[in-house]
Amino acid sequence: MKIYITYTKDSFTKEEIQKLKQNGEIVFLENTFDLDKAPYLDDDSEKILMVDPDWYHWDINENHLSKIKNLKAVCLATTAFDWIDLDYCGKNNILVTNIPKYSTDSVAEYALFLMMSLAKRFPIQMKKDYKMEYSKSMLTTEIRNKTVGIIGLGTIGTKVAEMCKSLGMNVLYWNRSDRNIDYKRVDIDTIFETADFIIPAFSTNEETKKIITDDRIYKMNGNALINVINNPEELYNHQLLIKLAEEEKISYAFEIYDDGKKMYDYKGNIMATAPYAFYTKDAIDRLLKIWCANAISIVEGNNQNIVKKN
């Protein structure tokens, strides 16, 4: 069995590499490559791919998968799995694994960091070069006794709810099913109309991408939306939220995904950062450990963290 790894070798510990070597021949592909000339395309041996999304531009489709001979499994370096063609993999008996829950604390903490940044109007401070100015535009707010509305009470949503409750906030949530009696479950429209801070925390798929409609965005009035779950352009009308924030009708925080802009290019209380929500040493250490274990489980026939199309 060959194990192709699209990642940098020095990111792994010696122990992780040794365990992989005990289960197959390892080939590191440390630099990005033309997918049509991927080194494993000329390899007829049985293989597992351990893939990082950046090497594939977040898209492993049927066209590429169909060219790979004797592919037994694809081990994703992400929790998300909507960037690989699961239909093709299922029909061709190719196992797909992901890495659940490795960055729960990291992402939840980042959501709170962005929320606090908006509450304290930190983007405005930066854009004014930290000039002391006691004016309405600089007037901040306390978060204690404010209401946070969480859309999706899964692992990350639950962690955000716990953190917000510990800070004295009121927690509302929407989820397909009733998840927790400690928080009040409401419909999505109520969250957009009444919550001071709105935090999407749902898994992204074709169904959930339709949740945050323009109509719901227009129901926001002086409140804030904080997104740390995915590229905002793929989830809702990102430009509409920017427009309303620049008109000072709402506040908005998100991670920038290669749109050529920087935070200083936006007016209003907009906090825009690089996509670092998941990127902590703790989370990456967990990711690499689980990623290796997933590949080894395929070799040993234990098959952990297998994902399938809903």
Protein backbone atom coordinates (compact mmCIF):
# COMPACT_ATOMS: atom_id res chain seq x y z
CA MET A 1 0.00 0.00 0.00
CA LYS A 2 1.27 3.48 -0.90
CA ILE A 3 0.22 6.52 1.08
CA TYR A 4 0.53 9.81 -0.81
CA ILE A 5 0.49 12.85 1.45
CA THR A 6 -0.07 16.34 0.06
CA TYR A 7 1.41 18.27 2.94
CA THR A 8 4.79 19.26 4.34
CA LYS A 9 6.75 16.46 5.96
CA ASP A 10 8.12 18.59 8.78
CA SER A 11 4.57 19.27 9.99
CA PHE A 12 4.33 15.70 11.27
CA THR A 13 6.02 14.31 14.36
CA LYS A 14 8.60 11.54 14.03
CA GLU A 15 6.18 9.21 15.77
CA GLU A 16 3.40 9.94 13.29
CA ILE A 17 5.69 9.34 10.31
CA GLN A 18 6.98 6.13 11.84
CA LYS A 19 3.45 4.79 12.36
CA LEU A 20 2.58 5.58 8.75
CA LYS A 21 5.73 3.84 7.53
CA GLN A 22 4.72 0.74 9.44
CA ASN A 23 1.54 0.61 7.38
CA GLY A 24 2.74 1.47 3.90
CA GLU A 25 5.18 3.25 1.63
CA ILE A 26 4.92 7.00 2.21
CA VAL A 27 5.28 9.56 -0.56
CA PHE A 28 5.20 13.23 0.44
CA LEU A 29 4.05 15.75 -2.17
CA GLU A 30 5.13 18.90 -0.39
CA ASN A 31 4.63 21.36 -3.24
CA THR A 32 1.45 22.08 -5.15
CA PHE A 33 1.28 20.55 -8.62
CA ASP A 34 -0.69 20.52 -11.84
CA LEU A 35 -3.49 18.09 -11.08
CA ASP A 36 -3.30 16.63 -14.59
CA LYS A 37 0.32 15.74 -13.84
CA ALA A 38 -0.11 14.50 -10.28
CA PRO A 39 2.71 12.02 -9.49
CA TYR A 40 0.29 9.30 -8.38
CA LEU A 41 -1.51 9.22 -11.75
CA ASP A 42 1.27 7.07 -13.20
CA ASP A 43 1.25 4.70 -10.24
CA ASP A 44 -0.71 1.46 -10.70
CA SER A 45 -0.26 0.28 -7.12
CA GLU A 46 -3.01 0.30 -4.50
CA LYS A 47 -3.00 3.65 -2.76
CA ILE A 48 -4.44 6.00 -0.18
CA LEU A 49 -4.38 9.76 -0.65
CA MET A 50 -4.04 12.03 2.37
CA VAL A 51 -5.13 15.33 0.87
CA ASP A 52 -4.99 18.95 1.98
CA PRO A 53 -7.60 21.15 0.24
CA ASP A 54 -5.17 23.86 -0.82
CA TRP A 55 -3.38 21.43 -3.14
CA TYR A 56 -6.71 20.84 -4.90
CA HIS A 57 -8.23 24.33 -4.79
CA TRP A 58 -10.96 22.85 -2.59
CA ASP A 59 -12.28 20.67 -5.40
CA ILE A 60 -11.61 16.96 -5.93
CA ASN A 61 -14.04 16.06 -8.69
CA GLU A 62 -14.93 13.01 -10.75
CA ASN A 63 -12.66 14.13 -13.60
CA HIS A 64 -9.60 13.88 -11.37
CA LEU A 65 -10.68 10.88 -9.32
CA SER A 66 -11.41 8.81 -12.43
CA LYS A 67 -7.76 9.10 -13.50
CA ILE A 68 -6.38 7.58 -10.29
CA LYS A 69 -5.77 3.83 -10.52
CA ASN A 70 -6.39 1.49 -7.58
CA LEU A 71 -7.48 4.26 -5.24
CA LYS A 72 -8.67 2.70 -2.00
CA ALA A 73 -9.35 5.79 0.10
CA VAL A 74 -9.07 9.57 0.30
CA CYS A 75 -8.32 10.94 3.76
CA LEU A 76 -9.33 14.59 3.94
CA ALA A 77 -7.46 17.04 6.14
CA THR A 78 -10.70 18.84 6.97
CA THR A 79 -13.98 18.39 8.79
CA ALA A 80 -15.84 19.60 5.69
CA PHE A 81 -16.26 17.05 2.93
CA ASP A 82 -18.31 18.98 0.37
CA TRP A 83 -15.17 19.56 -1.73
CA ILE A 84 -14.87 15.93 -2.85
CA ASP A 85 -17.27 14.08 -5.15
CA LEU A 86 -18.82 11.63 -2.69
CA ASP A 87 -21.17 10.22 -5.33
CA TYR A 88 -18.26 9.07 -7.47
CA CYS A 89 -16.37 7.71 -4.47
CA GLY A 90 -19.40 5.77 -3.27
CA LYS A 91 -20.06 4.22 -6.68
CA ASN A 92 -16.41 3.19 -7.02
CA ASN A 93 -15.88 1.83 -3.50
CA ILE A 94 -13.46 4.61 -2.56
CA LEU A 95 -13.59 5.34 1.17
CA VAL A 96 -13.51 8.96 2.30
CA THR A 97 -12.55 10.07 5.81
CA ASN A 98 -12.66 13.46 7.48
CA ILE A 99 -11.42 14.96 10.74
CA PRO A 100 -14.34 15.82 13.03
CA LYS A 101 -14.18 18.11 16.05
CA TYR A 102 -10.45 18.87 15.89
CA SER A 103 -10.92 22.66 15.90
CA THR A 104 -14.09 23.11 17.96
CA ASP A 105 -12.50 25.27 20.67
CA SER A 106 -10.37 27.20 18.18
CA VAL A 107 -13.32 28.16 15.97
CA ALA A 108 -15.63 28.95 18.90
CA GLU A 109 -12.99 31.16 20.51
CA TYR A 110 -12.42 32.95 17.21
CA ALA A 111 -16.16 33.59 16.88
CA LEU A 112 -16.11 35.23 20.32
CA PHE A 113 -13.03 37.25 19.38
CA LEU A 114 -14.84 38.59 16.30
CA MET A 115 -18.02 39.23 18.27
CA MET A 116 -16.11 41.17 20.91
CA SER A 117 -14.27 43.11 18.20
CA LEU A 118 -17.59 44.28 16.77
CA ALA A 119 -19.05 45.07 20.21
CA LYS A 120 -16.02 47.22 21.02
CA ARG A 121 -15.99 48.68 17.48
CA PHE A 122 -12.39 47.62 17.07
CA PRO A 123 -12.51 47.88 13.24
CA ILE A 124 -13.48 51.55 13.55
CA GLN A 125 -10.64 52.15 15.99
CA MET A 126 -8.13 50.64 13.57
CA LYS A 127 -9.46 52.59 10.60
CA LYS A 128 -9.21 55.81 12.61
CA ASP A 129 -5.62 54.88 13.51
CA TYR A 130 -6.63 54.56 17.20
CA LYS A 131 -7.40 58.25 17.47
CA MET A 132 -9.18 58.99 20.77
CA GLU A 133 -12.59 60.27 19.82
CA TYR A 134 -15.57 60.25 22.16
CA SER A 135 -18.30 60.22 19.54
CA LYS A 136 -21.35 58.16 18.62
CA SER A 137 -19.36 56.27 16.00
CA MET A 138 -16.94 55.10 18.70
CA LEU A 139 -19.53 54.25 21.35
CA THR A 140 -19.16 50.57 22.21
CA THR A 141 -21.49 48.13 23.94
CA GLU A 142 -21.28 45.62 26.75
CA ILE A 143 -22.12 42.03 25.89
CA ARG A 144 -23.48 41.01 29.28
CA ASN A 145 -27.27 40.63 29.07
CA LYS A 146 -27.13 40.91 25.28
CA THR A 147 -28.65 38.15 23.16
CA VAL A 148 -26.72 35.86 20.86
CA GLY A 149 -28.58 33.84 18.24
CA ILE A 150 -26.82 30.69 17.09
CA ILE A 151 -27.90 29.04 13.85
CA GLY A 152 -27.11 25.35 14.20
CA LEU A 153 -26.44 23.83 17.61
CA GLY A 154 -23.91 21.20 16.63
CA THR A 155 -20.48 20.79 18.17
CA ILE A 156 -19.23 24.31 17.42
CA GLY A 157 -22.60 25.95 18.03
CA THR A 158 -22.87 24.28 21.43
CA LYS A 159 -19.37 25.42 22.40
CA VAL A 160 -20.18 29.00 21.33
CA ALA A 161 -23.40 28.85 23.37
CA GLU A 162 -21.51 27.65 26.47
CA MET A 163 -18.95 30.44 26.16
CA CYS A 164 -21.57 33.13 25.59
CA LYS A 165 -23.68 31.93 28.52
CA SER A 166 -20.62 32.05 30.78
CA LEU A 167 -20.21 35.72 29.79
CA GLY A 168 -23.74 36.52 30.96
CA MET A 169 -25.39 36.54 27.53
CA ASN A 170 -28.84 35.28 26.66
CA VAL A 171 -28.69 32.41 24.18
CA LEU A 172 -31.22 31.73 21.45
CA TYR A 173 -30.72 29.03 18.86
CA TRP A 174 -32.25 27.49 15.77
CA ASN A 175 -31.69 23.87 14.95
CA ARG A 176 -33.70 21.31 12.98
CA SER A 177 -34.43 19.54 16.26
CA ASP A 178 -34.63 20.58 19.90
CA ARG A 179 -31.08 20.14 21.20
CA ASN A 180 -30.72 21.70 24.64
CA ILE A 181 -33.18 22.81 27.32
CA ASP A 182 -30.64 25.33 28.69
CA TYR A 183 -31.15 27.58 25.66
CA LYS A 184 -34.31 28.82 23.99
CA ARG A 185 -35.07 27.37 20.57
CA VAL A 186 -36.68 29.85 18.15
CA ASP A 187 -37.24 30.14 14.41
CA ILE A 188 -34.56 31.68 12.22
CA ASP A 189 -36.53 34.84 11.52
CA THR A 190 -36.73 35.57 15.26
CA ILE A 191 -32.94 35.33 15.48
CA PHE A 192 -32.44 37.85 12.68
CA GLU A 193 -35.06 40.20 14.10
CA THR A 194 -34.09 40.13 17.79
CA ALA A 195 -30.58 38.77 18.49
CA ASP A 196 -27.87 41.36 19.08
CA PHE A 197 -25.26 38.98 17.66
CA ILE A 198 -25.98 36.27 15.07
CA ILE A 199 -23.52 33.39 14.67
CA PRO A 200 -24.06 30.75 11.95
CA ALA A 201 -22.64 27.42 13.12
CA PHE A 202 -24.20 24.88 10.79
CA SER A 203 -22.59 22.28 8.54
CA THR A 204 -22.49 23.54 4.97
CA ASN A 205 -24.40 21.66 2.29
CA GLU A 206 -26.81 22.56 -0.50
CA GLU A 207 -29.71 22.77 1.95
CA THR A 208 -28.06 24.94 4.60
CA LYS A 209 -26.67 27.32 1.98
CA LYS A 210 -30.28 28.49 1.52
CA ILE A 211 -30.89 29.33 5.19
CA ILE A 212 -29.62 32.93 5.27
CA THR A 213 -31.80 34.59 2.66
CA ASP A 214 -31.80 38.24 1.57
CA ASP A 215 -35.18 38.64 3.27
CA ARG A 216 -33.72 37.54 6.58
CA ILE A 217 -30.67 39.77 6.16
CA TYR A 218 -32.98 42.77 5.62
CA LYS A 219 -34.66 41.96 8.95
CA MET A 220 -31.43 42.81 10.76
CA ASN A 221 -31.53 46.17 12.51
CA GLY A 222 -28.48 47.40 14.38
CA ASN A 223 -27.34 43.88 15.17
CA ALA A 224 -24.26 41.96 14.04
CA LEU A 225 -23.50 38.79 12.09
CA ILE A 226 -20.31 36.82 12.72
CA ASN A 227 -19.31 34.11 10.25
CA VAL A 228 -16.47 31.66 10.87
CA ILE A 229 -17.80 28.51 9.21
CA ASN A 230 -17.01 28.94 5.52
CA ASN A 231 -16.39 31.25 2.63
CA PRO A 232 -19.20 33.82 3.02
CA GLU A 233 -19.65 34.11 -0.74
CA GLU A 234 -20.89 30.50 -0.75
CA LEU A 235 -23.37 30.83 2.10
CA TYR A 236 -25.46 33.95 1.53
CA ASN A 237 -25.50 37.38 -0.09
CA HIS A 238 -22.14 38.52 1.23
CA GLN A 239 -22.23 41.79 -0.71
CA LEU A 240 -25.62 42.71 0.77
CA LEU A 241 -24.25 42.32 4.30
CA ILE A 242 -21.25 44.48 3.39
CA LYS A 243 -23.56 47.12 1.92
CA LEU A 244 -25.72 47.26 5.07
CA ALA A 245 -22.64 47.38 7.32
CA GLU A 246 -21.07 50.19 5.28
CA GLU A 247 -24.37 52.05 5.62
CA GLU A 248 -23.96 51.55 9.39
CA LYS A 249 -27.22 49.62 9.67
CA ILE A 250 -25.52 46.49 10.99
CA SER A 251 -22.08 45.16 11.93
CA TYR A 252 -20.41 42.27 10.16
CA ALA A 253 -17.42 39.98 10.79
CA PHE A 254 -16.07 37.37 8.38
CA GLU A 255 -12.92 35.74 7.07
CA ILE A 256 -11.58 36.92 3.71
CA TYR A 257 -11.07 34.25 1.07
CA ASP A 258 -8.85 35.70 -1.67
CA ASP A 259 -11.16 38.45 -2.89
CA GLY A 260 -8.28 40.90 -3.15
CA LYS A 261 -9.56 43.16 -0.38
CA LYS A 262 -8.30 43.96 3.09
CA MET A 263 -10.24 45.10 6.13
CA TYR A 264 -9.24 48.71 5.55
CA ASP A 265 -10.99 48.58 2.17
CA TYR A 266 -14.36 48.31 3.91
CA LYS A 267 -16.22 51.13 5.55
CA GLY A 268 -18.23 50.78 8.75
CA ASN A 269 -17.95 48.31 11.59
CA ILE A 270 -16.68 45.41 9.48
CA MET A 271 -14.12 43.01 10.95
CA ALA A 272 -12.49 41.06 8.12
CA THR A 273 -9.59 38.73 8.84
CA ALA A 274 -7.64 36.00 7.11
CA PRO A 275 -9.21 32.52 7.58
CA TYR A 276 -7.44 31.70 10.83
CA ALA A 277 -10.38 30.50 12.95
CA PHE A 278 -9.19 26.89 12.93
CA TYR A 279 -5.48 27.68 12.89
CA THR A 280 -4.10 27.11 16.37
CA LYS A 281 -1.21 24.88 17.35
CA ASP A 282 -3.56 22.80 19.46
CA ALA A 283 -6.02 22.22 16.62
CA ILE A 284 -3.34 21.44 14.02
CA ASP A 285 -1.68 18.95 16.36
CA ARG A 286 -5.03 17.19 16.78
CA LEU A 287 -5.68 17.33 13.03
CA LEU A 288 -2.40 15.67 12.11
CA LYS A 289 -2.82 12.96 14.74
CA ILE A 290 -6.35 12.08 13.59
CA TRP A 291 -5.40 12.37 9.91
CA CYS A 292 -2.64 9.79 10.31
CA ALA A 293 -4.90 7.54 12.39
CA ASN A 294 -7.57 7.68 9.68
CA ALA A 295 -5.14 6.49 7.00
CA ILE A 296 -3.81 3.72 9.25
CA SER A 297 -7.35 2.60 10.04
CA ILE A 298 -7.97 2.07 6.32
CA VAL A 299 -4.89 -0.12 6.01
CA GLU A 300 -5.87 -2.12 9.10
CA GLY A 301 -9.52 -2.39 8.05
CA ASN A 302 -10.91 -0.47 11.03
CA ASN A 303 -12.15 2.40 8.84
CA GLN A 304 -12.68 5.28 11.27
CA ASN A 305 -14.30 8.65 10.51
CA ILE A 306 -15.86 7.46 7.24
CA VAL A 307 -18.12 10.06 5.61
CA LYS A 308 -21.00 9.41 3.24
CA LYS A 309 -23.32 11.59 1.21
CA ASN A 310 -26.41 12.59 3.22
